[in-house]
């Protein structure tokens, strides 16, 4: 265990670090392995690839995608009572395993509408 203190004027910074040599050596060997050596099977990988490779070249499809995919997570909320925040529900969209691909698809649709079609996309933002 290491403890360090730094004091200047009225500012104090303390940090605590716990080293377990056994865990450190195991983590170092896991980091040193290349990504190809890890054997994990991703069931959603074909869907991810399909969404990433989907090319938006139709105005109706682009508009429909921008309408269906929300600009921000619809589940994030602040629950308030009498003007005071009781609790916060975090954005659960990031728990979606296809979140990055869906957001990327929406972005490509917006770019197509703005760049290729010359439409005003402020209605979708």
Protein backbone atom coordinates (compact mmCIF):
# COMPACT_ATOMS: atom_id res chain seq x y z
CA UNK A 1 0.00 0.00 0.00
CA UNK A 2 1.28 3.45 -0.89
CA UNK A 3 0.10 6.71 0.63
CA UNK A 4 1.14 10.06 -0.74
CA UNK A 5 0.33 13.53 0.56
CA UNK A 6 0.77 16.88 -1.09
CA UNK A 7 -0.07 20.05 0.81
CA UNK A 8 0.18 23.63 -0.38
CA UNK A 9 -1.67 26.50 1.23
CA UNK A 10 -5.05 25.07 2.22
CA UNK A 11 -5.18 22.42 -0.53
CA UNK A 12 -4.57 18.83 0.42
CA UNK A 13 -4.42 15.99 -2.07
CA UNK A 14 -4.23 12.44 -0.84
CA UNK A 15 -4.11 9.29 -2.90
CA UNK A 16 -4.27 5.67 -1.89
CA UNK A 17 -3.05 2.91 -4.15
CA UNK A 18 -3.24 -0.79 -3.34
CA UNK A 19 -0.96 -3.14 -5.22
CA UNK A 20 -1.46 -6.85 -5.19
CA UNK A 21 1.54 -8.30 -7.01
CA UNK A 22 -0.32 -11.45 -8.04
CA UNK A 23 -3.16 -9.49 -9.68
CA UNK A 24 -0.75 -7.08 -11.35
CA UNK A 25 1.18 -9.90 -13.03
CA UNK A 26 -2.06 -11.57 -14.23
CA UNK A 27 -3.38 -8.28 -15.66
CA UNK A 28 -0.08 -7.58 -17.40
CA UNK A 29 -0.14 -10.97 -19.13
CA UNK A 30 -3.77 -10.47 -20.20
CA UNK A 31 -2.95 -7.06 -21.67
CA UNK A 32 0.08 -8.42 -23.52
CA UNK A 33 -2.07 -10.93 -25.46
CA UNK A 34 -3.14 -9.83 -28.92
CA UNK A 35 -6.85 -9.35 -29.57
CA UNK A 36 -6.87 -12.30 -31.97
CA UNK A 37 -5.74 -14.64 -29.16
CA UNK A 38 -8.90 -14.00 -27.18
CA UNK A 39 -11.59 -16.48 -28.11
CA UNK A 40 -14.93 -14.80 -27.72
CA UNK A 41 -17.94 -15.36 -29.92
CA UNK A 42 -20.05 -12.32 -30.73
CA UNK A 43 -23.54 -13.29 -31.86
CA UNK A 44 -24.40 -9.76 -32.97
CA UNK A 45 -21.30 -9.23 -35.12
CA UNK A 46 -23.09 -9.96 -38.44
CA UNK A 47 -25.83 -7.46 -37.55
CA UNK A 48 -23.22 -4.87 -36.56
CA UNK A 49 -21.42 -5.33 -39.87
CA UNK A 50 -24.67 -5.10 -41.83
CA UNK A 51 -25.66 -1.85 -40.07
CA UNK A 52 -22.18 -0.38 -40.55
CA UNK A 53 -22.17 -1.25 -44.26
CA UNK A 54 -25.70 -0.03 -44.93
CA UNK A 55 -25.40 2.86 -47.36
CA UNK A 56 -28.17 5.45 -47.30
CA UNK A 57 -28.90 6.52 -50.90
CA UNK A 58 -32.67 7.03 -50.82
CA UNK A 59 -34.36 10.22 -49.62
CA UNK A 60 -37.43 8.43 -48.22
CA UNK A 61 -35.31 5.88 -46.34
CA UNK A 62 -33.10 8.64 -44.91
CA UNK A 63 -36.10 10.63 -43.70
CA UNK A 64 -37.67 7.53 -42.19
CA UNK A 65 -34.46 6.61 -40.35
CA UNK A 66 -34.14 10.14 -38.97
CA UNK A 67 -37.74 10.01 -37.73
CA UNK A 68 -37.46 6.53 -36.18
CA UNK A 69 -34.06 6.84 -34.50
CA UNK A 70 -34.20 9.48 -31.73
CA UNK A 71 -31.56 12.19 -31.50
CA UNK A 72 -31.14 11.56 -27.78
CA UNK A 73 -32.00 8.73 -25.45
CA UNK A 74 -35.74 8.81 -24.67
CA UNK A 75 -35.32 6.89 -21.41
CA UNK A 76 -33.12 9.40 -19.57
CA UNK A 77 -35.21 11.25 -16.99
CA UNK A 78 -34.99 13.33 -13.84
CA UNK A 79 -37.76 12.37 -11.44
CA UNK A 80 -38.80 15.51 -9.56
CA UNK A 81 -41.21 16.22 -6.73
CA UNK A 82 -42.05 19.79 -5.68
CA UNK A 83 -39.19 21.14 -7.80
CA UNK A 84 -36.55 18.89 -6.19
CA UNK A 85 -34.86 16.07 -8.06
CA UNK A 86 -35.55 12.78 -6.30
CA UNK A 87 -33.45 10.60 -8.58
CA UNK A 88 -32.05 10.39 -12.09
CA UNK A 89 -32.72 7.54 -14.52
CA UNK A 90 -29.55 7.18 -16.60
CA UNK A 91 -29.61 6.83 -20.38
CA UNK A 92 -30.19 3.16 -21.02
CA UNK A 93 -29.56 3.42 -24.74
CA UNK A 94 -25.88 2.78 -24.19
CA UNK A 95 -26.80 -0.63 -22.80
CA UNK A 96 -28.08 -1.50 -26.27
CA UNK A 97 -25.39 -3.67 -27.90
CA UNK A 98 -26.14 -2.07 -31.29
CA UNK A 99 -26.18 1.53 -30.01
CA UNK A 100 -23.07 2.70 -31.88
CA UNK A 101 -24.22 1.23 -35.17
CA UNK A 102 -27.75 2.69 -34.94
CA UNK A 103 -26.43 6.14 -34.06
CA UNK A 104 -23.96 5.88 -36.95
CA UNK A 105 -26.77 4.93 -39.32
CA UNK A 106 -28.81 7.96 -38.21
CA UNK A 107 -25.78 10.18 -38.70
CA UNK A 108 -25.21 8.84 -42.23
CA UNK A 109 -28.89 9.45 -43.04
CA UNK A 110 -28.64 13.03 -41.76
CA UNK A 111 -25.47 13.62 -43.77
CA UNK A 112 -27.13 12.25 -46.91
CA UNK A 113 -30.13 14.54 -46.49
CA UNK A 114 -27.97 17.59 -45.82
CA UNK A 115 -25.12 17.02 -48.27
CA UNK A 116 -26.66 15.14 -51.18
CA UNK A 117 -30.29 16.30 -51.06
CA UNK A 118 -29.65 19.81 -49.72
CA UNK A 119 -32.47 19.53 -47.16
CA UNK A 120 -32.76 21.39 -43.89
CA UNK A 121 -32.18 18.79 -41.18
CA UNK A 122 -32.96 21.02 -38.20
CA UNK A 123 -36.35 19.28 -37.83
CA UNK A 124 -34.53 16.02 -37.01
CA UNK A 125 -32.12 17.45 -34.42
